[in-house]
Amino acid sequence: MRLVIQRSKEARVEIAGETVGEIDRGLVILVGVTHGDTEEDAKYLAQKCMNLRIFEDEAGKMNLSLLDAGGQVLSISQFTLYGDTRKGRRPSFVHAAKPEEADVLYQFFNEELRQAGLRVATGQFGADMQVHLMNDGPVTFILDSKDK
């Protein structure tokens, strides 16, 4: 699994002009799933997201986790994280998991975050979505479960 996480002051996702998920301060997490990913990959990345110390403390240092900061999550499925652009001009998505497999792990990942007490808003798997966010910092990280 591969994630792009962005610290945000606020974020929302719209489908056909209607807001379907929104958060205040927290993380926007773009979630990509590839072949062979498992629940263990999802658990590892959920733990990493909630415990990574990327929020500022009272001294202005990145010393607080999402849990410490009381942040929220906007989780968006993002198969293009596994796009291969090495050949030609049109990306190939052969490394992205099939939608029915990816959705199961995407939902499992979100549930892991919820089980830790986090408020998790989502878009809709496979939908055409518009994501609006105010990136805080900006602070952006790429996490991959294969890079343990």
N, C-alpha and C. Protein backbone atom coordinates (compact mmCIF):
# COMPACT_ATOMS: atom_id res chain seq x y z
N MET A 1 0.85 -1.18 0.00
CA MET A 1 0.00 0.00 0.00
C MET A 1 0.89 1.23 0.00
N ARG A 2 0.38 2.25 -0.62
CA ARG A 2 1.11 3.51 -0.71
C ARG A 2 0.17 4.64 -0.32
N LEU A 3 0.69 5.55 0.50
CA LEU A 3 -0.10 6.69 0.95
C LEU A 3 0.64 7.99 0.66
N VAL A 4 -0.11 9.01 0.36
CA VAL A 4 0.38 10.38 0.41
C VAL A 4 -0.43 11.03 1.52
N ILE A 5 0.29 11.54 2.55
CA ILE A 5 -0.41 12.19 3.66
C ILE A 5 -0.03 13.66 3.67
N GLN A 6 -1.04 14.48 3.86
CA GLN A 6 -0.84 15.91 3.91
C GLN A 6 -1.50 16.47 5.16
N ARG A 7 -0.71 17.19 5.94
CA ARG A 7 -1.25 17.86 7.12
C ARG A 7 -2.11 19.01 6.62
N SER A 8 -3.32 19.12 7.15
CA SER A 8 -4.22 20.16 6.66
C SER A 8 -4.90 20.90 7.81
N LYS A 9 -5.25 22.13 7.51
CA LYS A 9 -6.02 22.93 8.47
C LYS A 9 -7.51 22.64 8.31
N GLU A 10 -7.90 22.30 7.09
CA GLU A 10 -9.28 21.91 6.79
C GLU A 10 -9.29 21.24 5.43
N ALA A 11 -10.26 20.38 5.20
CA ALA A 11 -10.36 19.69 3.91
C ALA A 11 -11.77 19.17 3.72
N ARG A 12 -12.12 19.01 2.46
CA ARG A 12 -13.42 18.41 2.13
C ARG A 12 -13.32 17.72 0.78
N VAL A 13 -14.22 16.79 0.54
CA VAL A 13 -14.31 16.10 -0.74
C VAL A 13 -15.74 16.23 -1.24
N GLU A 14 -15.83 16.52 -2.55
CA GLU A 14 -17.14 16.68 -3.19
C GLU A 14 -17.30 15.66 -4.30
N ILE A 15 -18.54 15.23 -4.48
CA ILE A 15 -18.92 14.40 -5.61
C ILE A 15 -20.13 15.07 -6.24
N ALA A 16 -20.00 15.38 -7.53
CA ALA A 16 -21.07 16.06 -8.28
C ALA A 16 -21.54 17.33 -7.56
N GLY A 17 -20.59 18.09 -7.02
CA GLY A 17 -20.90 19.35 -6.37
C GLY A 17 -21.42 19.26 -4.95
N GLU A 18 -21.56 18.05 -4.42
CA GLU A 18 -22.07 17.85 -3.06
C GLU A 18 -20.94 17.39 -2.15
N THR A 19 -20.80 18.06 -1.00
CA THR A 19 -19.78 17.67 -0.03
C THR A 19 -20.21 16.35 0.62
N VAL A 20 -19.33 15.35 0.52
CA VAL A 20 -19.64 14.03 1.10
C VAL A 20 -18.76 13.71 2.30
N GLY A 21 -17.70 14.49 2.50
CA GLY A 21 -16.82 14.29 3.65
C GLY A 21 -16.02 15.55 3.90
N GLU A 22 -15.84 15.90 5.18
CA GLU A 22 -15.03 17.07 5.49
C GLU A 22 -14.45 16.94 6.90
N ILE A 23 -13.30 17.61 7.08
CA ILE A 23 -12.63 17.59 8.38
C ILE A 23 -12.11 18.98 8.71
N ASP A 24 -11.80 19.17 9.97
CA ASP A 24 -11.05 20.33 10.40
C ASP A 24 -9.59 19.91 10.40
N ARG A 25 -8.81 20.37 11.33
CA ARG A 25 -7.38 20.08 11.41
C ARG A 25 -7.11 18.58 11.43
N GLY A 26 -6.15 18.15 10.62
CA GLY A 26 -5.82 16.73 10.60
C GLY A 26 -4.99 16.35 9.40
N LEU A 27 -5.28 15.16 8.86
CA LEU A 27 -4.55 14.63 7.72
C LEU A 27 -5.50 14.30 6.58
N VAL A 28 -5.09 14.68 5.38
CA VAL A 28 -5.71 14.17 4.16
C VAL A 28 -4.82 13.02 3.74
N ILE A 29 -5.41 11.84 3.58
CA ILE A 29 -4.65 10.64 3.24
C ILE A 29 -5.17 10.09 1.92
N LEU A 30 -4.29 10.08 0.92
CA LEU A 30 -4.59 9.45 -0.36
C LEU A 30 -4.08 8.02 -0.27
N VAL A 31 -4.94 7.05 -0.57
CA VAL A 31 -4.65 5.64 -0.33
C VAL A 31 -4.64 4.86 -1.64
N GLY A 32 -3.47 4.27 -1.94
CA GLY A 32 -3.35 3.41 -3.11
C GLY A 32 -3.06 1.99 -2.69
N VAL A 33 -3.64 1.04 -3.41
CA VAL A 33 -3.47 -0.39 -3.10
C VAL A 33 -2.92 -1.09 -4.34
N THR A 34 -1.93 -1.96 -4.12
CA THR A 34 -1.34 -2.73 -5.21
C THR A 34 -1.56 -4.23 -4.98
N HIS A 35 -1.21 -5.01 -5.97
CA HIS A 35 -1.36 -6.46 -5.90
C HIS A 35 -0.54 -7.01 -4.73
N GLY A 36 -1.11 -7.93 -4.01
CA GLY A 36 -0.40 -8.57 -2.92
C GLY A 36 -0.47 -7.83 -1.59
N ASP A 37 -1.08 -6.65 -1.56
CA ASP A 37 -1.24 -5.96 -0.28
C ASP A 37 -2.19 -6.75 0.62
N THR A 38 -1.95 -6.65 1.93
CA THR A 38 -2.73 -7.42 2.89
C THR A 38 -3.23 -6.51 4.01
N GLU A 39 -4.01 -7.10 4.90
CA GLU A 39 -4.46 -6.36 6.08
C GLU A 39 -3.28 -5.92 6.93
N GLU A 40 -2.20 -6.69 6.94
CA GLU A 40 -1.01 -6.30 7.69
C GLU A 40 -0.42 -4.99 7.15
N ASP A 41 -0.43 -4.83 5.83
CA ASP A 41 0.03 -3.58 5.23
C ASP A 41 -0.85 -2.41 5.69
N ALA A 42 -2.16 -2.64 5.69
CA ALA A 42 -3.10 -1.60 6.09
C ALA A 42 -2.93 -1.25 7.57
N LYS A 43 -2.74 -2.25 8.43
CA LYS A 43 -2.53 -2.01 9.86
C LYS A 43 -1.25 -1.21 10.09
N TYR A 44 -0.18 -1.62 9.41
CA TYR A 44 1.11 -0.93 9.55
C TYR A 44 0.96 0.55 9.20
N LEU A 45 0.33 0.83 8.07
CA LEU A 45 0.21 2.22 7.63
C LEU A 45 -0.77 3.02 8.50
N ALA A 46 -1.82 2.39 8.98
CA ALA A 46 -2.74 3.09 9.89
C ALA A 46 -2.00 3.50 11.16
N GLN A 47 -1.23 2.58 11.72
CA GLN A 47 -0.44 2.89 12.92
C GLN A 47 0.56 4.01 12.65
N LYS A 48 1.21 3.94 11.49
CA LYS A 48 2.20 4.95 11.13
C LYS A 48 1.52 6.33 11.02
N CYS A 49 0.38 6.39 10.35
CA CYS A 49 -0.33 7.67 10.18
C CYS A 49 -0.75 8.28 11.51
N MET A 50 -1.29 7.47 12.39
CA MET A 50 -1.82 8.03 13.64
C MET A 50 -0.73 8.37 14.65
N ASN A 51 0.45 7.79 14.49
CA ASN A 51 1.52 8.00 15.48
C ASN A 51 2.70 8.82 14.98
N LEU A 52 2.74 9.13 13.68
CA LEU A 52 3.82 9.93 13.14
C LEU A 52 3.75 11.34 13.73
N ARG A 53 4.85 11.79 14.29
CA ARG A 53 4.86 13.08 15.01
C ARG A 53 5.14 14.21 14.01
N ILE A 54 4.05 14.71 13.41
CA ILE A 54 4.17 15.74 12.38
C ILE A 54 3.32 16.98 12.68
N PHE A 55 2.74 17.03 13.88
CA PHE A 55 1.98 18.21 14.29
C PHE A 55 2.80 19.00 15.31
N GLU A 56 2.68 20.31 15.24
CA GLU A 56 3.48 21.17 16.10
C GLU A 56 2.98 21.18 17.54
N ASP A 57 3.95 21.19 18.46
CA ASP A 57 3.63 21.36 19.88
C ASP A 57 3.62 22.85 20.21
N GLU A 58 3.50 23.18 21.50
CA GLU A 58 3.43 24.58 21.91
C GLU A 58 4.71 25.35 21.62
N ALA A 59 5.82 24.65 21.40
CA ALA A 59 7.09 25.29 21.07
C ALA A 59 7.30 25.41 19.56
N GLY A 60 6.32 24.97 18.78
CA GLY A 60 6.42 25.06 17.33
C GLY A 60 7.22 23.94 16.69
N LYS A 61 7.54 22.90 17.45
CA LYS A 61 8.29 21.75 16.92
C LYS A 61 7.32 20.64 16.50
N MET A 62 7.66 19.93 15.43
CA MET A 62 6.85 18.78 15.03
C MET A 62 7.11 17.67 16.03
N ASN A 63 6.23 17.59 17.02
CA ASN A 63 6.45 16.68 18.13
C ASN A 63 5.18 15.94 18.54
N LEU A 64 4.06 16.25 17.89
CA LEU A 64 2.79 15.63 18.26
C LEU A 64 2.27 14.74 17.13
N SER A 65 1.66 13.65 17.52
CA SER A 65 1.03 12.76 16.55
C SER A 65 -0.39 13.24 16.25
N LEU A 66 -1.00 12.62 15.28
CA LEU A 66 -2.40 12.89 14.97
C LEU A 66 -3.27 12.64 16.19
N LEU A 67 -2.99 11.55 16.91
CA LEU A 67 -3.75 11.24 18.13
C LEU A 67 -3.52 12.30 19.20
N ASP A 68 -2.25 12.71 19.40
CA ASP A 68 -1.93 13.74 20.40
C ASP A 68 -2.61 15.06 20.09
N ALA A 69 -2.65 15.41 18.80
CA ALA A 69 -3.18 16.70 18.37
C ALA A 69 -4.70 16.71 18.27
N GLY A 70 -5.33 15.55 18.43
CA GLY A 70 -6.78 15.48 18.31
C GLY A 70 -7.25 15.74 16.89
N GLY A 71 -6.43 15.35 15.92
CA GLY A 71 -6.76 15.59 14.52
C GLY A 71 -7.76 14.61 13.95
N GLN A 72 -8.23 14.94 12.77
CA GLN A 72 -9.20 14.13 12.05
C GLN A 72 -8.56 13.66 10.75
N VAL A 73 -9.24 12.77 10.04
CA VAL A 73 -8.71 12.20 8.80
C VAL A 73 -9.74 12.33 7.69
N LEU A 74 -9.27 12.77 6.52
CA LEU A 74 -10.05 12.67 5.30
C LEU A 74 -9.31 11.67 4.42
N SER A 75 -9.88 10.50 4.22
CA SER A 75 -9.26 9.40 3.50
C SER A 75 -9.89 9.28 2.12
N ILE A 76 -9.02 9.27 1.10
CA ILE A 76 -9.48 9.24 -0.28
C ILE A 76 -8.79 8.09 -1.01
N SER A 77 -9.56 7.22 -1.65
CA SER A 77 -8.97 6.14 -2.45
C SER A 77 -8.31 6.77 -3.69
N GLN A 78 -7.13 6.26 -4.06
CA GLN A 78 -6.34 6.92 -5.11
C GLN A 78 -5.52 5.89 -5.88
N PHE A 79 -6.15 5.21 -6.84
CA PHE A 79 -5.44 4.17 -7.60
C PHE A 79 -4.27 4.73 -8.40
N THR A 80 -4.30 6.03 -8.71
CA THR A 80 -3.22 6.61 -9.52
C THR A 80 -1.89 6.65 -8.79
N LEU A 81 -1.87 6.38 -7.48
CA LEU A 81 -0.60 6.29 -6.76
C LEU A 81 0.26 5.15 -7.29
N TYR A 82 -0.36 4.21 -7.99
CA TYR A 82 0.38 3.12 -8.60
C TYR A 82 0.46 3.26 -10.12
N GLY A 83 0.32 4.48 -10.61
CA GLY A 83 0.50 4.74 -12.03
C GLY A 83 1.97 4.64 -12.41
N ASP A 84 2.25 4.02 -13.53
CA ASP A 84 3.62 3.87 -14.03
C ASP A 84 3.77 4.80 -15.24
N THR A 85 4.66 5.77 -15.11
CA THR A 85 4.84 6.77 -16.17
C THR A 85 6.17 6.62 -16.89
N ARG A 86 6.84 5.49 -16.72
CA ARG A 86 8.17 5.32 -17.29
C ARG A 86 8.18 5.22 -18.81
N LYS A 87 7.12 4.69 -19.40
CA LYS A 87 7.09 4.52 -20.85
C LYS A 87 5.99 5.38 -21.46
N GLY A 88 6.32 6.03 -22.54
CA GLY A 88 5.32 6.79 -23.29
C GLY A 88 4.77 7.97 -22.52
N ARG A 89 3.60 8.39 -22.93
CA ARG A 89 2.97 9.57 -22.34
C ARG A 89 1.69 9.26 -21.58
N ARG A 90 1.23 8.03 -21.70
CA ARG A 90 0.00 7.65 -21.01
C ARG A 90 0.36 6.72 -19.87
N PRO A 91 -0.01 7.07 -18.63
CA PRO A 91 0.32 6.20 -17.49
C PRO A 91 -0.35 4.83 -17.62
N SER A 92 0.34 3.83 -17.12
CA SER A 92 -0.21 2.48 -17.02
C SER A 92 -0.60 2.25 -15.56
N PHE A 93 -1.70 1.57 -15.36
CA PHE A 93 -2.17 1.31 -14.00
C PHE A 93 -2.20 -0.18 -13.68
N VAL A 94 -1.34 -0.94 -14.34
CA VAL A 94 -1.31 -2.38 -14.13
C VAL A 94 -0.86 -2.75 -12.72
N HIS A 95 -0.19 -1.83 -12.03
CA HIS A 95 0.27 -2.12 -10.67
C HIS A 95 -0.79 -1.81 -9.61
N ALA A 96 -1.87 -1.16 -10.00
CA ALA A 96 -2.96 -0.89 -9.06
C ALA A 96 -3.80 -2.16 -8.90
N ALA A 97 -4.22 -2.43 -7.68
CA ALA A 97 -5.05 -3.62 -7.42
C ALA A 97 -6.41 -3.46 -8.10
N LYS A 98 -7.04 -4.58 -8.37
CA LYS A 98 -8.39 -4.55 -8.93
C LYS A 98 -9.31 -3.83 -7.94
N PRO A 99 -10.29 -3.10 -8.44
CA PRO A 99 -11.16 -2.30 -7.56
C PRO A 99 -11.79 -3.10 -6.41
N GLU A 100 -12.26 -4.30 -6.68
CA GLU A 100 -12.92 -5.07 -5.62
C GLU A 100 -11.94 -5.47 -4.51
N GLU A 101 -10.68 -5.68 -4.86
CA GLU A 101 -9.65 -5.99 -3.85
C GLU A 101 -9.21 -4.73 -3.12
N ALA A 102 -9.01 -3.67 -3.87
CA ALA A 102 -8.54 -2.42 -3.29
C ALA A 102 -9.55 -1.84 -2.32
N ASP A 103 -10.83 -1.90 -2.67
CA ASP A 103 -11.87 -1.33 -1.80
C ASP A 103 -11.90 -2.01 -0.45
N VAL A 104 -11.71 -3.33 -0.42
CA VAL A 104 -11.72 -4.07 0.85
C VAL A 104 -10.60 -3.57 1.76
N LEU A 105 -9.40 -3.41 1.22
CA LEU A 105 -8.28 -2.94 2.04
C LEU A 105 -8.41 -1.46 2.40
N TYR A 106 -8.95 -0.67 1.49
CA TYR A 106 -9.20 0.75 1.78
C TYR A 106 -10.17 0.87 2.96
N GLN A 107 -11.24 0.11 2.94
CA GLN A 107 -12.22 0.16 4.04
C GLN A 107 -11.60 -0.36 5.34
N PHE A 108 -10.79 -1.40 5.24
CA PHE A 108 -10.11 -1.95 6.42
C PHE A 108 -9.17 -0.90 7.02
N PHE A 109 -8.40 -0.21 6.19
CA PHE A 109 -7.50 0.85 6.64
C PHE A 109 -8.29 1.92 7.40
N ASN A 110 -9.40 2.37 6.84
CA ASN A 110 -10.22 3.40 7.49
C ASN A 110 -10.76 2.91 8.83
N GLU A 111 -11.16 1.66 8.88
CA GLU A 111 -11.70 1.10 10.12
C GLU A 111 -10.62 1.02 11.20
N GLU A 112 -9.40 0.71 10.80
CA GLU A 112 -8.28 0.70 11.77
C GLU A 112 -8.11 2.08 12.41
N LEU A 113 -8.21 3.12 11.62
CA LEU A 113 -8.11 4.48 12.16
C LEU A 113 -9.28 4.79 13.09
N ARG A 114 -10.47 4.38 12.70
CA ARG A 114 -11.66 4.61 13.55
C ARG A 114 -11.56 3.86 14.87
N GLN A 115 -11.05 2.63 14.82
CA GLN A 115 -10.91 1.83 16.04
C GLN A 115 -9.97 2.49 17.04
N ALA A 116 -9.08 3.35 16.56
CA ALA A 116 -8.16 4.08 17.44
C ALA A 116 -8.81 5.35 18.00
N GLY A 117 -10.06 5.58 17.63
CA GLY A 117 -10.79 6.74 18.15
C GLY A 117 -10.74 7.96 17.26
N LEU A 118 -10.21 7.83 16.05
CA LEU A 118 -10.14 8.97 15.15
C LEU A 118 -11.44 9.15 14.37
N ARG A 119 -11.77 10.40 14.11
CA ARG A 119 -12.89 10.71 13.22
C ARG A 119 -12.36 10.62 11.80
N VAL A 120 -12.96 9.76 10.97
CA VAL A 120 -12.51 9.53 9.60
C VAL A 120 -13.65 9.84 8.64
N ALA A 121 -13.43 10.83 7.80
CA ALA A 121 -14.36 11.13 6.71
C ALA A 121 -13.77 10.54 5.44
N THR A 122 -14.62 10.20 4.49
CA THR A 122 -14.14 9.60 3.25
C THR A 122 -14.89 10.17 2.06
N GLY A 123 -14.32 9.90 0.91
CA GLY A 123 -15.04 10.11 -0.33
C GLY A 123 -15.80 8.83 -0.63
N GLN A 124 -15.95 8.54 -1.91
CA GLN A 124 -16.62 7.32 -2.33
C GLN A 124 -15.67 6.56 -3.25
N PHE A 125 -15.38 5.33 -2.91
CA PHE A 125 -14.42 4.53 -3.68
C PHE A 125 -14.84 4.50 -5.14
N GLY A 126 -13.90 4.84 -6.03
CA GLY A 126 -14.13 4.75 -7.47
C GLY A 126 -14.88 5.92 -8.08
N ALA A 127 -15.31 6.87 -7.27
CA ALA A 127 -16.07 8.01 -7.80
C ALA A 127 -15.13 9.09 -8.32
N ASP A 128 -15.67 9.96 -9.16
CA ASP A 128 -14.96 11.16 -9.60
C ASP A 128 -15.13 12.19 -8.50
N MET A 129 -14.05 12.50 -7.80
CA MET A 129 -14.10 13.36 -6.62
C MET A 129 -13.26 14.61 -6.81
N GLN A 130 -13.67 15.67 -6.15
CA GLN A 130 -12.88 16.89 -6.08
C GLN A 130 -12.50 17.07 -4.61
N VAL A 131 -11.19 17.11 -4.36
CA VAL A 131 -10.68 17.23 -3.00
C VAL A 131 -10.15 18.64 -2.80
N HIS A 132 -10.65 19.30 -1.77
CA HIS A 132 -10.22 20.66 -1.44
C HIS A 132 -9.51 20.59 -0.09
N LEU A 133 -8.30 21.15 -0.04
CA LEU A 133 -7.62 21.16 1.25
C LEU A 133 -6.75 22.40 1.39
N MET A 134 -6.59 22.79 2.63
CA MET A 134 -5.64 23.83 2.97
C MET A 134 -4.47 23.11 3.62
N ASN A 135 -3.43 22.86 2.81
CA ASN A 135 -2.24 22.15 3.28
C ASN A 135 -1.55 23.02 4.31
N ASP A 136 -1.28 22.46 5.46
CA ASP A 136 -0.70 23.18 6.59
C ASP A 136 0.80 22.97 6.61
N GLY A 137 1.55 24.00 6.29
CA GLY A 137 3.01 23.91 6.36
C GLY A 137 3.69 24.47 5.13
N PRO A 138 3.59 23.86 3.99
CA PRO A 138 2.97 22.56 3.69
C PRO A 138 3.80 21.40 4.26
N VAL A 139 3.08 20.39 4.72
CA VAL A 139 3.69 19.18 5.24
C VAL A 139 3.07 18.01 4.49
N THR A 140 3.90 17.30 3.72
CA THR A 140 3.45 16.18 2.90
C THR A 140 4.48 15.06 2.97
N PHE A 141 3.99 13.83 3.16
CA PHE A 141 4.87 12.66 3.21
C PHE A 141 4.29 11.55 2.35
N ILE A 142 5.18 10.71 1.82
CA ILE A 142 4.78 9.51 1.08
C ILE A 142 5.19 8.32 1.94
N LEU A 143 4.22 7.45 2.22
CA LEU A 143 4.48 6.24 3.00
C LEU A 143 4.16 5.02 2.14
N ASP A 144 4.98 4.00 2.25
CA ASP A 144 4.76 2.77 1.50
C ASP A 144 4.99 1.59 2.44
N SER A 145 4.04 0.68 2.49
CA SER A 145 4.16 -0.45 3.41
C SER A 145 5.31 -1.37 3.02
N LYS A 146 5.82 -1.27 1.82
CA LYS A 146 6.97 -2.09 1.41
C LYS A 146 8.29 -1.50 1.90
N ASP A 147 8.26 -0.28 2.42
CA ASP A 147 9.47 0.42 2.90
C ASP A 147 9.58 0.37 4.43
N LYS A 148 9.27 -0.75 5.03
CA LYS A 148 9.32 -0.87 6.49
C LYS A 148 10.75 -0.82 6.96
